[in-house]
Amino acid sequence: LLATSVFGLLRPALLYAQETDLRGEVSESAILADQ
């Protein structure tokens, strides 16, 4: 449980993907470049 919590805190983009129809992995640099 502790490892899962740490992993969720370190990888927020995965949660964003879960809530915005993106269930794949997207890099943070790609997000900044697109914005």
PDB file of all heavy atoms in Angstrom:
ATOM      1  N   LEU A   1       0.825  -1.215   0.000  1.00  0.00           N
ATOM      2  CA  LEU A   1       0.000   0.000   0.000  1.00  0.00           C
ATOM      3  C   LEU A   1       0.848   1.250   0.000  1.00  0.00           C
ATOM      4  O   LEU A   1       0.561   2.240  -0.686  1.00  0.00           O
ATOM      5  CB  LEU A   1      -0.944  -0.005   1.208  1.00  0.00           C
ATOM      6  CG  LEU A   1      -2.054  -1.062   1.211  1.00  0.00           C
ATOM      7  CD1 LEU A   1      -2.835  -1.037   2.526  1.00  0.00           C
ATOM      8  CD2 LEU A   1      -2.985  -0.845   0.028  1.00  0.00           C
ATOM      9  N   LEU A   2       1.955   1.204   0.797  1.00  0.00           N
ATOM     10  CA  LEU A   2       2.845   2.372   0.847  1.00  0.00           C
ATOM     11  C   LEU A   2       3.504   2.601  -0.506  1.00  0.00           C
ATOM     12  O   LEU A   2       3.621   3.744  -0.991  1.00  0.00           O
ATOM     13  CB  LEU A   2       3.916   2.144   1.934  1.00  0.00           C
ATOM     14  CG  LEU A   2       4.927   3.288   2.094  1.00  0.00           C
ATOM     15  CD1 LEU A   2       4.213   4.575   2.473  1.00  0.00           C
ATOM     16  CD2 LEU A   2       5.963   2.913   3.176  1.00  0.00           C
ATOM     17  N   ALA A   3       3.928   1.514  -1.149  1.00  0.00           N
ATOM     18  CA  ALA A   3       4.570   1.651  -2.470  1.00  0.00           C
ATOM     19  C   ALA A   3       3.593   2.202  -3.513  1.00  0.00           C
ATOM     20  O   ALA A   3       3.954   3.027  -4.369  1.00  0.00           O
ATOM     21  CB  ALA A   3       5.108   0.294  -2.915  1.00  0.00           C
ATOM     22  N   THR A   4       2.353   1.724  -3.420  1.00  0.00           N
ATOM     23  CA  THR A   4       1.335   2.229  -4.369  1.00  0.00           C
ATOM     24  C   THR A   4       1.091   3.713  -4.185  1.00  0.00           C
ATOM     25  O   THR A   4       0.947   4.474  -5.153  1.00  0.00           O
ATOM     26  CB  THR A   4       0.028   1.452  -4.173  1.00  0.00           C
ATOM     27  OG1 THR A   4       0.267   0.059  -4.349  1.00  0.00           O
ATOM     28  CG2 THR A   4      -1.030   1.930  -5.174  1.00  0.00           C
ATOM     29  N   SER A   5       1.043   4.150  -2.922  1.00  0.00           N
ATOM     30  CA  SER A   5       0.818   5.589  -2.656  1.00  0.00           C
ATOM     31  C   SER A   5       1.960   6.430  -3.187  1.00  0.00           C
ATOM     32  O   SER A   5       1.772   7.481  -3.802  1.00  0.00           O
ATOM     33  CB  SER A   5       0.635   5.814  -1.154  1.00  0.00           C
ATOM     34  OG  SER A   5      -0.465   5.088  -0.672  1.00  0.00           O
ATOM     35  N   VAL A   6       3.195   5.968  -2.913  1.00  0.00           N
ATOM     36  CA  VAL A   6       4.363   6.713  -3.412  1.00  0.00           C
ATOM     37  C   VAL A   6       4.366   6.760  -4.940  1.00  0.00           C
ATOM     38  O   VAL A   6       4.667   7.783  -5.555  1.00  0.00           O
ATOM     39  CB  VAL A   6       5.648   6.056  -2.868  1.00  0.00           C
ATOM     40  CG1 VAL A   6       6.867   6.705  -3.519  1.00  0.00           C
ATOM     41  CG2 VAL A   6       5.703   6.218  -1.361  1.00  0.00           C
ATOM     42  N   PHE A   7       4.032   5.643  -5.554  1.00  0.00           N
ATOM     43  CA  PHE A   7       4.013   5.602  -7.022  1.00  0.00           C
ATOM     44  C   PHE A   7       2.972   6.555  -7.596  1.00  0.00           C
ATOM     45  O   PHE A   7       3.195   7.232  -8.594  1.00  0.00           O
ATOM     46  CB  PHE A   7       3.693   4.163  -7.471  1.00  0.00           C
ATOM     47  CG  PHE A   7       3.661   4.020  -8.968  1.00  0.00           C
ATOM     48  CD1 PHE A   7       4.828   3.906  -9.686  1.00  0.00           C
ATOM     49  CD2 PHE A   7       2.442   4.018  -9.665  1.00  0.00           C
ATOM     50  CE1 PHE A   7       4.810   3.788 -11.073  1.00  0.00           C
ATOM     51  CE2 PHE A   7       2.421   3.881 -11.030  1.00  0.00           C
ATOM     52  CZ  PHE A   7       3.600   3.773 -11.749  1.00  0.00           C
ATOM     53  N   GLY A   8       1.799   6.656  -6.929  1.00  0.00           N
ATOM     54  CA  GLY A   8       0.758   7.582  -7.397  1.00  0.00           C
ATOM     55  C   GLY A   8       1.179   9.026  -7.255  1.00  0.00           C
ATOM     56  O   GLY A   8       0.862   9.869  -8.095  1.00  0.00           O
ATOM     57  N   LEU A   9       1.930   9.323  -6.134  1.00  0.00           N
ATOM     58  CA  LEU A   9       2.382  10.713  -5.956  1.00  0.00           C
ATOM     59  C   LEU A   9       3.448  11.089  -6.966  1.00  0.00           C
ATOM     60  O   LEU A   9       3.525  12.227  -7.429  1.00  0.00           O
ATOM     61  CB  LEU A   9       2.900  10.911  -4.526  1.00  0.00           C
ATOM     62  CG  LEU A   9       1.845  10.821  -3.413  1.00  0.00           C
ATOM     63  CD1 LEU A   9       2.515  10.905  -2.040  1.00  0.00           C
ATOM     64  CD2 LEU A   9       0.818  11.912  -3.560  1.00  0.00           C
ATOM     65  N   LEU A  10       4.298  10.152  -7.274  1.00  0.00           N
ATOM     66  CA  LEU A  10       5.390  10.452  -8.204  1.00  0.00           C
ATOM     67  C   LEU A  10       4.924  10.478  -9.651  1.00  0.00           C
ATOM     68  O   LEU A  10       5.575  11.058 -10.518  1.00  0.00           O
ATOM     69  CB  LEU A  10       6.500   9.394  -8.047  1.00  0.00           C
ATOM     70  CG  LEU A  10       7.238   9.425  -6.706  1.00  0.00           C
ATOM     71  CD1 LEU A  10       8.275   8.305  -6.648  1.00  0.00           C
ATOM     72  CD2 LEU A  10       7.918  10.778  -6.492  1.00  0.00           C
ATOM     73  N   ARG A  11       3.827   9.900 -10.052  1.00  0.00           N
ATOM     74  CA  ARG A  11       3.353   9.819 -11.450  1.00  0.00           C
ATOM     75  C   ARG A  11       1.944  10.425 -11.569  1.00  0.00           C
ATOM     76  O   ARG A  11       0.966   9.726 -11.761  1.00  0.00           O
ATOM     77  CB  ARG A  11       3.347   8.365 -11.935  1.00  0.00           C
ATOM     78  CG  ARG A  11       4.681   7.651 -11.845  1.00  0.00           C
ATOM     79  CD  ARG A  11       5.734   8.368 -12.713  1.00  0.00           C
ATOM     80  NE  ARG A  11       5.346   8.374 -14.097  1.00  0.00           N
ATOM     81  CZ  ARG A  11       5.672   7.390 -14.938  1.00  0.00           C
ATOM     82  NH1 ARG A  11       6.412   6.388 -14.533  1.00  0.00           N
ATOM     83  NH2 ARG A  11       5.278   7.440 -16.195  1.00  0.00           N
ATOM     84  N   PRO A  12       1.791  11.777 -11.477  1.00  0.00           N
ATOM     85  CA  PRO A  12       0.439  12.381 -11.551  1.00  0.00           C
ATOM     86  C   PRO A  12      -0.165  12.308 -12.946  1.00  0.00           C
ATOM     87  O   PRO A  12      -1.368  12.310 -13.119  1.00  0.00           O
ATOM     88  CB  PRO A  12       0.683  13.833 -11.160  1.00  0.00           C
ATOM     89  CG  PRO A  12       2.116  14.088 -11.510  1.00  0.00           C
ATOM     90  CD  PRO A  12       2.840  12.787 -11.261  1.00  0.00           C
ATOM     91  N   ALA A  13       0.707  12.268 -13.946  1.00  0.00           N
ATOM     92  CA  ALA A  13       0.166  12.259 -15.317  1.00  0.00           C
ATOM     93  C   ALA A  13      -0.688  11.052 -15.582  1.00  0.00           C
ATOM     94  O   ALA A  13      -1.632  11.091 -16.362  1.00  0.00           O
ATOM     95  CB  ALA A  13       1.328  12.305 -16.319  1.00  0.00           C
ATOM     96  N   LEU A  14      -0.355   9.930 -14.875  1.00  0.00           N
ATOM     97  CA  LEU A  14      -1.156   8.736 -15.072  1.00  0.00           C
ATOM     98  C   LEU A  14      -2.566   8.947 -14.573  1.00  0.00           C
ATOM     99  O   LEU A  14      -3.540   8.501 -15.173  1.00  0.00           O
ATOM    100  CB  LEU A  14      -0.483   7.555 -14.364  1.00  0.00           C
ATOM    101  CG  LEU A  14      -1.189   6.202 -14.484  1.00  0.00           C
ATOM    102  CD1 LEU A  14      -1.312   5.812 -15.941  1.00  0.00           C
ATOM    103  CD2 LEU A  14      -0.419   5.149 -13.690  1.00  0.00           C
ATOM    104  N   LEU A  15      -2.698   9.676 -13.416  1.00  0.00           N
ATOM    105  CA  LEU A  15      -4.033   9.950 -12.899  1.00  0.00           C
ATOM    106  C   LEU A  15      -4.801  10.887 -13.824  1.00  0.00           C
ATOM    107  O   LEU A  15      -5.991  10.735 -14.035  1.00  0.00           O
ATOM    108  CB  LEU A  15      -3.925  10.544 -11.491  1.00  0.00           C
ATOM    109  CG  LEU A  15      -3.264   9.630 -10.448  1.00  0.00           C
ATOM    110  CD1 LEU A  15      -3.193  10.355  -9.113  1.00  0.00           C
ATOM    111  CD2 LEU A  15      -4.055   8.338 -10.302  1.00  0.00           C
ATOM    112  N   TYR A  16      -4.059  11.887 -14.367  1.00  0.00           N
ATOM    113  CA  TYR A  16      -4.726  12.796 -15.318  1.00  0.00           C
ATOM    114  C   TYR A  16      -5.275  12.025 -16.500  1.00  0.00           C
ATOM    115  O   TYR A  16      -6.366  12.271 -16.981  1.00  0.00           O
ATOM    116  CB  TYR A  16      -3.745  13.858 -15.812  1.00  0.00           C
ATOM    117  CG  TYR A  16      -3.286  14.823 -14.728  1.00  0.00           C
ATOM    118  CD1 TYR A  16      -2.069  15.481 -14.870  1.00  0.00           C
ATOM    119  CD2 TYR A  16      -4.051  15.050 -13.608  1.00  0.00           C
ATOM    120  CE1 TYR A  16      -1.646  16.362 -13.879  1.00  0.00           C
ATOM    121  CE2 TYR A  16      -3.623  15.915 -12.616  1.00  0.00           C
ATOM    122  CZ  TYR A  16      -2.418  16.575 -12.743  1.00  0.00           C
ATOM    123  OH  TYR A  16      -2.007  17.432 -11.780  1.00  0.00           O
ATOM    124  N   ALA A  17      -4.466  11.091 -16.950  1.00  0.00           N
ATOM    125  CA  ALA A  17      -4.898  10.301 -18.094  1.00  0.00           C
ATOM    126  C   ALA A  17      -6.130   9.498 -17.780  1.00  0.00           C
ATOM    127  O   ALA A  17      -7.003   9.299 -18.605  1.00  0.00           O
ATOM    128  CB  ALA A  17      -3.765   9.384 -18.556  1.00  0.00           C
ATOM    129  N   GLN A  18      -6.230   9.007 -16.490  1.00  0.00           N
ATOM    130  CA  GLN A  18      -7.383   8.211 -16.114  1.00  0.00           C
ATOM    131  C   GLN A  18      -8.662   9.041 -16.144  1.00  0.00           C
ATOM    132  O   GLN A  18      -9.729   8.552 -16.451  1.00  0.00           O
ATOM    133  CB  GLN A  18      -7.166   7.624 -14.710  1.00  0.00           C
ATOM    134  CG  GLN A  18      -6.063   6.602 -14.627  1.00  0.00           C
ATOM    135  CD  GLN A  18      -6.471   5.284 -15.220  1.00  0.00           C
ATOM    136  OE1 GLN A  18      -7.644   5.072 -15.494  1.00  0.00           O
ATOM    137  NE2 GLN A  18      -5.519   4.387 -15.458  1.00  0.00           N
ATOM    138  N   GLU A  19      -8.543  10.360 -15.815  1.00  0.00           N
ATOM    139  CA  GLU A  19      -9.729  11.200 -15.715  1.00  0.00           C
ATOM    140  C   GLU A  19     -10.077  11.911 -17.028  1.00  0.00           C
ATOM    141  O   GLU A  19     -11.113  12.515 -17.132  1.00  0.00           O
ATOM    142  CB  GLU A  19      -9.540  12.243 -14.620  1.00  0.00           C
ATOM    143  CG  GLU A  19      -9.441  11.634 -13.225  1.00  0.00           C
ATOM    144  CD  GLU A  19      -9.280  12.689 -12.162  1.00  0.00           C
ATOM    145  OE1 GLU A  19      -9.225  13.871 -12.547  1.00  0.00           O
ATOM    146  OE2 GLU A  19      -9.234  12.345 -10.994  1.00  0.00           O
ATOM    147  N   THR A  20      -9.188  11.899 -18.026  1.00  0.00           N
ATOM    148  CA  THR A  20      -9.431  12.635 -19.277  1.00  0.00           C
ATOM    149  C   THR A  20      -9.342  11.720 -20.478  1.00  0.00           C
ATOM    150  O   THR A  20      -8.812  12.094 -21.519  1.00  0.00           O
ATOM    151  CB  THR A  20      -8.404  13.775 -19.413  1.00  0.00           C
ATOM    152  OG1 THR A  20      -7.098  13.195 -19.385  1.00  0.00           O
ATOM    153  CG2 THR A  20      -8.549  14.779 -18.313  1.00  0.00           C
ATOM    154  N   ASP A  21      -9.800  10.530 -20.343  1.00  0.00           N
ATOM    155  CA  ASP A  21      -9.836   9.574 -21.452  1.00  0.00           C
ATOM    156  C   ASP A  21      -8.448   9.168 -21.922  1.00  0.00           C
ATOM    157  O   ASP A  21      -8.302   8.567 -22.964  1.00  0.00           O
ATOM    158  CB  ASP A  21     -10.612  10.121 -22.643  1.00  0.00           C
ATOM    159  CG  ASP A  21     -12.051  10.388 -22.270  1.00  0.00           C
ATOM    160  OD1 ASP A  21     -12.505   9.818 -21.259  1.00  0.00           O
ATOM    161  OD2 ASP A  21     -12.715  11.173 -22.994  1.00  0.00           O
ATOM    162  N   LEU A  22      -7.352   9.532 -21.202  1.00  0.00           N
ATOM    163  CA  LEU A  22      -5.995   9.152 -21.597  1.00  0.00           C
ATOM    164  C   LEU A  22      -5.501   8.110 -20.595  1.00  0.00           C
ATOM    165  O   LEU A  22      -5.094   8.438 -19.490  1.00  0.00           O
ATOM    166  CB  LEU A  22      -5.059  10.368 -21.605  1.00  0.00           C
ATOM    167  CG  LEU A  22      -5.427  11.480 -22.601  1.00  0.00           C
ATOM    168  CD1 LEU A  22      -4.464  12.633 -22.456  1.00  0.00           C
ATOM    169  CD2 LEU A  22      -5.394  10.942 -24.011  1.00  0.00           C
ATOM    170  N   ARG A  23      -5.535   6.905 -20.959  1.00  0.00           N
ATOM    171  CA  ARG A  23      -5.120   5.840 -20.050  1.00  0.00           C
ATOM    172  C   ARG A  23      -3.759   5.332 -20.420  1.00  0.00           C
ATOM    173  O   ARG A  23      -3.316   4.315 -19.944  1.00  0.00           O
ATOM    174  CB  ARG A  23      -6.157   4.714 -20.086  1.00  0.00           C
ATOM    175  CG  ARG A  23      -7.538   5.192 -19.624  1.00  0.00           C
ATOM    176  CD  ARG A  23      -8.494   4.052 -19.522  1.00  0.00           C
ATOM    177  NE  ARG A  23      -8.036   3.068 -18.527  1.00  0.00           N
ATOM    178  CZ  ARG A  23      -8.645   1.905 -18.289  1.00  0.00           C
ATOM    179  NH1 ARG A  23      -9.699   1.586 -18.999  1.00  0.00           N
ATOM    180  NH2 ARG A  23      -8.192   1.071 -17.381  1.00  0.00           N
ATOM    181  N   GLY A  24      -3.068   6.024 -21.335  1.00  0.00           N
ATOM    182  CA  GLY A  24      -1.695   5.699 -21.661  1.00  0.00           C
ATOM    183  C   GLY A  24      -0.755   6.664 -20.974  1.00  0.00           C
ATOM    184  O   GLY A  24      -1.154   7.655 -20.375  1.00  0.00           O
ATOM    185  N   GLU A  25       0.506   6.445 -21.104  1.00  0.00           N
ATOM    186  CA  GLU A  25       1.507   7.263 -20.429  1.00  0.00           C
ATOM    187  C   GLU A  25       1.902   8.422 -21.326  1.00  0.00           C
ATOM    188  O   GLU A  25       2.206   8.235 -22.501  1.00  0.00           O
ATOM    189  CB  GLU A  25       2.739   6.403 -20.100  1.00  0.00           C
ATOM    190  CG  GLU A  25       3.831   7.203 -19.381  1.00  0.00           C
ATOM    191  CD  GLU A  25       5.002   6.325 -19.017  1.00  0.00           C
ATOM    192  OE1 GLU A  25       4.857   5.108 -19.158  1.00  0.00           O
ATOM    193  OE2 GLU A  25       6.036   6.867 -18.627  1.00  0.00           O
ATOM    194  N   VAL A  26       1.891   9.660 -20.785  1.00  0.00           N
ATOM    195  CA  VAL A  26       2.278  10.867 -21.495  1.00  0.00           C
ATOM    196  C   VAL A  26       3.339  11.575 -20.685  1.00  0.00           C
ATOM    197  O   VAL A  26       3.185  11.791 -19.487  1.00  0.00           O
ATOM    198  CB  VAL A  26       1.084  11.808 -21.699  1.00  0.00           C
ATOM    199  CG1 VAL A  26       1.516  13.053 -22.445  1.00  0.00           C
ATOM    200  CG2 VAL A  26      -0.018  11.110 -22.477  1.00  0.00           C
ATOM    201  N   SER A  27       4.406  11.976 -21.347  1.00  0.00           N
ATOM    202  CA  SER A  27       5.511  12.636 -20.637  1.00  0.00           C
ATOM    203  C   SER A  27       5.149  14.064 -20.313  1.00  0.00           C
ATOM    204  O   SER A  27       4.378  14.713 -21.005  1.00  0.00           O
ATOM    205  CB  SER A  27       6.773  12.587 -21.498  1.00  0.00           C
ATOM    206  OG  SER A  27       6.570  13.343 -22.665  1.00  0.00           O
ATOM    207  N   GLU A  28       5.731  14.577 -19.235  1.00  0.00           N
ATOM    208  CA  GLU A  28       5.470  15.956 -18.824  1.00  0.00           C
ATOM    209  C   GLU A  28       6.066  16.945 -19.805  1.00  0.00           C
ATOM    210  O   GLU A  28       5.511  18.028 -20.044  1.00  0.00           O
ATOM    211  CB  GLU A  28       6.066  16.179 -17.424  1.00  0.00           C
ATOM    212  CG  GLU A  28       5.384  15.344 -16.335  1.00  0.00           C
ATOM    213  CD  GLU A  28       6.012  15.579 -14.976  1.00  0.00           C
ATOM    214  OE1 GLU A  28       6.981  16.362 -14.915  1.00  0.00           O
ATOM    215  OE2 GLU A  28       5.513  15.004 -14.026  1.00  0.00           O
ATOM    216  N   SER A  29       7.187  16.623 -20.401  1.00  0.00           N
ATOM    217  CA  SER A  29       7.797  17.533 -21.391  1.00  0.00           C
ATOM    218  C   SER A  29       6.887  17.706 -22.603  1.00  0.00           C
ATOM    219  O   SER A  29       6.789  18.797 -23.170  1.00  0.00           O
ATOM    220  CB  SER A  29       9.155  16.989 -21.828  1.00  0.00           C
ATOM    221  OG  SER A  29       8.994  15.711 -22.433  1.00  0.00           O
ATOM    222  N   ALA A  30       6.187  16.651 -23.014  1.00  0.00           N
ATOM    223  CA  ALA A  30       5.255  16.756 -24.138  1.00  0.00           C
ATOM    224  C   ALA A  30       4.094  17.665 -23.802  1.00  0.00           C
ATOM    225  O   ALA A  30       3.607  18.433 -24.630  1.00  0.00           O
ATOM    226  CB  ALA A  30       4.757  15.375 -24.527  1.00  0.00           C
ATOM    227  N   ILE A  31       3.640  17.574 -22.514  1.00  0.00           N
ATOM    228  CA  ILE A  31       2.523  18.431 -22.087  1.00  0.00           C
ATOM    229  C   ILE A  31       2.928  19.881 -22.133  1.00  0.00           C
ATOM    230  O   ILE A  31       2.220  20.749 -22.648  1.00  0.00           O
ATOM    231  CB  ILE A  31       2.058  18.030 -20.666  1.00  0.00           C
ATOM    232  CG1 ILE A  31       1.498  16.590 -20.695  1.00  0.00           C
ATOM    233  CG2 ILE A  31       1.022  19.018 -20.154  1.00  0.00           C
ATOM    234  CD1 ILE A  31       1.133  16.072 -19.325  1.00  0.00           C
ATOM    235  N   LEU A  32       4.120  20.199 -21.609  1.00  0.00           N
ATOM    236  CA  LEU A  32       4.593  21.596 -21.611  1.00  0.00           C
ATOM    237  C   LEU A  32       4.804  22.102 -23.038  1.00  0.00           C
ATOM    238  O   LEU A  32       4.473  23.241 -23.368  1.00  0.00           O
ATOM    239  CB  LEU A  32       5.891  21.683 -20.801  1.00  0.00           C
ATOM    240  CG  LEU A  32       5.748  21.394 -19.298  1.00  0.00           C
ATOM    241  CD1 LEU A  32       7.108  21.425 -18.623  1.00  0.00           C
ATOM    242  CD2 LEU A  32       4.805  22.380 -18.634  1.00  0.00           C
ATOM    243  N   ALA A  33       5.365  21.285 -23.895  1.00  0.00           N
ATOM    244  CA  ALA A  33       5.605  21.710 -25.286  1.00  0.00           C
ATOM    245  C   ALA A  33       4.299  21.980 -26.017  1.00  0.00           C
ATOM    246  O   ALA A  33       4.177  22.939 -26.787  1.00  0.00           O
ATOM    247  CB  ALA A  33       6.409  20.625 -26.013  1.00  0.00           C
ATOM    248  N   ASP A  34       3.309  21.140 -25.805  1.00  0.00           N
ATOM    249  CA  ASP A  34       2.031  21.334 -26.467  1.00  0.00           C
ATOM    250  C   ASP A  34       1.343  22.602 -25.999  1.00  0.00           C
ATOM    251  O   ASP A  34       0.761  23.359 -26.789  1.00  0.00           O
ATOM    252  CB  ASP A  34       1.147  20.113 -26.208  1.00  0.00           C
ATOM    253  CG  ASP A  34      -0.183  20.229 -26.954  1.00  0.00           C
ATOM    254  OD1 ASP A  34      -0.164  20.017 -28.175  1.00  0.00           O
ATOM    255  OD2 ASP A  34      -1.211  20.528 -26.313  1.00  0.00           O
ATOM    256  N   GLN A  35       1.408  22.898 -24.664  1.00  0.00           N
ATOM    257  CA  GLN A  35       0.804  24.120 -24.144  1.00  0.00           C
ATOM    258  C   GLN A  35       1.474  25.349 -24.727  1.00  0.00           C
ATOM    259  O   GLN A  35       0.830  26.328 -25.103  1.00  0.00           O
ATOM    260  CB  GLN A  35       0.874  24.126 -22.611  1.00  0.00           C
ATOM    261  CG  GLN A  35      -0.010  23.074 -21.945  1.00  0.00           C
ATOM    262  CD  GLN A  35       0.136  23.071 -20.442  1.00  0.00           C
ATOM    263  OE1 GLN A  35       1.024  23.746 -19.907  1.00  0.00           O
ATOM    264  NE2 GLN A  35      -0.711  22.323 -19.760  1.00  0.00           N
TER     265      GLN A  35
END
